[in-house]
Amino acid sequence: MGIKTIVQQQYRSIVDSAASTLAGLKTPPEGWLRTVRSALGMSGTDVAMKMGVTRARITKAEHAELTGGVTLKSMQTAAEAMGCRFVYAIVPASGRIEDIITTQARKKAMAIVGTASKHMALENQKLPDDKIAQEVERLTREIALEMPPNFWNDK
């Protein structure tokens, strides 16, 4: 096993660990800033004073969070003003990193096998569906393991 593979496995482990830790975690309807502030019993003015900004700035930040316009820095600053820690992560929408890789590898395998099957059918050498499915699975595993340079290219 090469260094590149070991490093990639370490990264996958980090992402999968975060994904399992955060599974089921959803942003509250009011957003995290307002939810945590309310849970602490803090007013917008209280947070504003701790941050050294106006109350309007807190309202603006809470709204920006809901519309996707908030910055990481403002989330971190607000969290710290409330005695909290701001954490963000990018995790697979469902499952593990391996699932995303396998899905992409399967797309590639299906394209390759599909092209080969068309050519074979033109020559009256069409394989049965079960053999095609076996080849797709075999090729999926091979492509996922090798991850060729064009792996993420869908063309």
Protein backbone atom coordinates (compact mmCIF):
# COMPACT_ATOMS: atom_id res chain seq x y z
CA MET A 1 0.00 0.00 0.00
CA GLY A 2 1.47 3.33 -1.07
CA ILE A 3 1.71 6.55 0.92
CA LYS A 4 -0.96 8.19 -1.25
CA THR A 5 -3.41 5.39 -0.43
CA ILE A 6 -2.66 5.57 3.30
CA VAL A 7 -3.11 9.35 3.34
CA GLN A 8 -6.37 9.04 1.39
CA GLN A 9 -7.65 6.45 3.87
CA GLN A 10 -6.80 8.78 6.75
CA TYR A 11 -8.78 11.59 5.10
CA ARG A 12 -11.70 9.25 4.48
CA SER A 13 -11.65 8.21 8.12
CA ILE A 14 -11.78 11.85 9.25
CA VAL A 15 -14.73 12.64 6.98
CA ASP A 16 -16.60 9.44 7.84
CA SER A 17 -16.09 10.06 11.55
CA ALA A 18 -17.52 13.57 11.23
CA ALA A 19 -20.42 12.24 9.17
CA SER A 20 -21.33 9.62 11.77
CA THR A 21 -21.01 12.14 14.60
CA LEU A 22 -23.23 14.64 12.80
CA ALA A 23 -25.73 12.14 11.41
CA GLY A 24 -29.21 13.49 11.90
CA LEU A 25 -27.99 16.97 12.88
CA LYS A 26 -30.14 19.57 11.18
CA THR A 27 -29.97 23.34 11.30
CA PRO A 28 -32.82 24.60 13.49
CA PRO A 29 -35.55 26.52 11.60
CA GLU A 30 -34.47 29.78 13.28
CA GLY A 31 -30.77 29.11 12.57
CA TRP A 32 -28.01 28.33 15.05
CA LEU A 33 -27.28 31.91 16.10
CA ARG A 34 -30.80 32.67 17.24
CA THR A 35 -31.38 29.18 18.66
CA VAL A 36 -28.25 29.26 20.85
CA ARG A 37 -28.90 32.87 21.86
CA SER A 38 -32.45 31.92 22.91
CA ALA A 39 -31.25 28.78 24.71
CA LEU A 40 -28.87 30.95 26.73
CA GLY A 41 -31.60 33.48 27.47
CA MET A 42 -29.53 36.21 25.82
CA SER A 43 -31.12 39.09 23.98
CA GLY A 44 -29.76 40.38 20.71
CA THR A 45 -28.57 43.42 22.65
CA ASP A 46 -26.65 41.19 25.08
CA VAL A 47 -24.80 39.50 22.22
CA ALA A 48 -24.23 42.83 20.47
CA MET A 49 -22.64 44.32 23.58
CA LYS A 50 -20.31 41.32 23.96
CA MET A 51 -19.30 41.64 20.31
CA GLY A 52 -19.02 45.43 20.38
CA VAL A 53 -21.55 45.87 17.57
CA THR A 54 -25.10 47.18 17.26
CA ARG A 55 -28.25 45.14 17.89
CA ALA A 56 -29.09 45.62 14.21
CA ARG A 57 -25.86 43.81 13.32
CA ILE A 58 -27.01 40.76 15.30
CA THR A 59 -30.39 40.78 13.55
CA LYS A 60 -28.58 41.07 10.22
CA ALA A 61 -26.26 38.15 11.07
CA GLU A 62 -29.17 35.96 12.14
CA HIS A 63 -30.98 36.74 8.90
CA ALA A 64 -27.81 36.21 6.84
CA GLU A 65 -27.40 32.76 8.40
CA LEU A 66 -30.88 31.78 7.23
CA THR A 67 -30.33 33.07 3.69
CA GLY A 68 -26.83 31.63 3.33
CA GLY A 69 -25.05 34.99 3.35
CA VAL A 70 -23.31 34.67 6.70
CA THR A 71 -19.53 34.42 6.82
CA LEU A 72 -17.61 31.82 8.76
CA LYS A 73 -15.83 34.62 10.62
CA SER A 74 -19.09 36.22 11.78
CA MET A 75 -20.44 32.84 12.93
CA GLN A 76 -17.23 32.22 14.88
CA THR A 77 -17.28 35.69 16.46
CA ALA A 78 -20.94 35.38 17.47
CA ALA A 79 -20.39 31.88 18.86
CA GLU A 80 -17.46 33.06 20.97
CA ALA A 81 -19.50 36.03 22.24
CA MET A 82 -22.05 33.51 23.49
CA GLY A 83 -19.38 31.34 25.13
CA CYS A 84 -19.63 28.72 22.40
CA ARG A 85 -17.42 27.25 19.74
CA PHE A 86 -18.29 27.44 16.05
CA VAL A 87 -17.81 24.18 14.16
CA TYR A 88 -18.37 23.48 10.49
CA ALA A 89 -17.92 20.40 8.38
CA ILE A 90 -18.50 19.06 4.91
CA VAL A 91 -19.80 15.51 5.13
CA PRO A 92 -21.42 13.09 2.67
CA ALA A 93 -25.13 13.76 2.25
CA SER A 94 -25.78 10.13 3.12
CA GLY A 95 -23.51 7.30 4.01
CA ARG A 96 -19.75 7.42 3.78
CA ILE A 97 -17.10 8.78 1.43
CA GLU A 98 -16.74 5.26 0.06
CA ASP A 99 -20.38 5.40 -1.11
CA ILE A 100 -19.68 8.51 -3.21
CA ILE A 101 -16.59 6.88 -4.72
CA THR A 102 -18.46 3.64 -5.46
CA THR A 103 -21.33 5.55 -7.11
CA GLN A 104 -18.88 7.37 -9.39
CA ALA A 105 -16.99 4.15 -10.15
CA ARG A 106 -20.29 2.43 -11.01
CA LYS A 107 -21.15 5.25 -13.47
CA LYS A 108 -17.79 4.76 -15.15
CA ALA A 109 -18.16 0.96 -15.18
CA MET A 110 -21.67 1.13 -16.62
CA ALA A 111 -20.49 3.45 -19.39
CA ILE A 112 -17.61 1.14 -20.29
CA VAL A 113 -19.69 -2.04 -20.15
CA GLY A 114 -22.56 -0.35 -21.98
CA THR A 115 -20.29 0.66 -24.85
CA ALA A 116 -18.75 -2.81 -25.02
CA SER A 117 -22.20 -4.43 -24.90
CA LYS A 118 -23.42 -2.33 -27.83
CA HIS A 119 -20.43 -3.37 -29.91
CA MET A 120 -20.86 -7.03 -28.94
CA ALA A 121 -24.58 -6.91 -29.78
CA LEU A 122 -23.75 -5.58 -33.24
CA GLU A 123 -21.58 -8.65 -33.73
CA ASN A 124 -24.24 -11.02 -32.34
CA GLN A 125 -22.14 -11.67 -29.23
CA LYS A 126 -24.43 -10.07 -26.64
CA LEU A 127 -23.82 -11.24 -23.09
CA PRO A 128 -26.71 -12.27 -20.81
CA ASP A 129 -27.89 -9.58 -18.36
CA ASP A 130 -26.48 -11.43 -15.33
CA LYS A 131 -23.01 -11.52 -16.93
CA ILE A 132 -23.26 -7.81 -17.73
CA ALA A 133 -24.23 -7.07 -14.12
CA GLN A 134 -21.29 -9.17 -12.85
CA GLU A 135 -18.89 -7.30 -15.12
CA VAL A 136 -20.27 -3.93 -13.97
CA GLU A 137 -19.69 -4.94 -10.34
CA ARG A 138 -16.18 -6.27 -11.04
CA LEU A 139 -15.24 -3.17 -13.00
CA THR A 140 -16.79 -0.90 -10.34
CA ARG A 141 -14.51 -2.40 -7.67
CA GLU A 142 -11.46 -2.10 -9.94
CA ILE A 143 -12.15 1.52 -10.91
CA ALA A 144 -12.90 2.53 -7.30
CA LEU A 145 -9.61 1.00 -6.19
CA GLU A 146 -7.50 2.53 -8.96
CA MET A 147 -9.32 5.88 -9.26
CA PRO A 148 -7.81 6.75 -12.65
CA PRO A 149 -6.98 10.40 -13.48
CA ASN A 150 -10.32 10.93 -15.26
CA PHE A 151 -12.28 9.39 -12.38
CA TRP A 152 -14.39 12.47 -11.59
CA ASN A 153 -14.85 13.44 -15.23
CA ASP A 154 -18.37 12.38 -16.21
CA LYS A 155 -17.63 12.44 -19.92
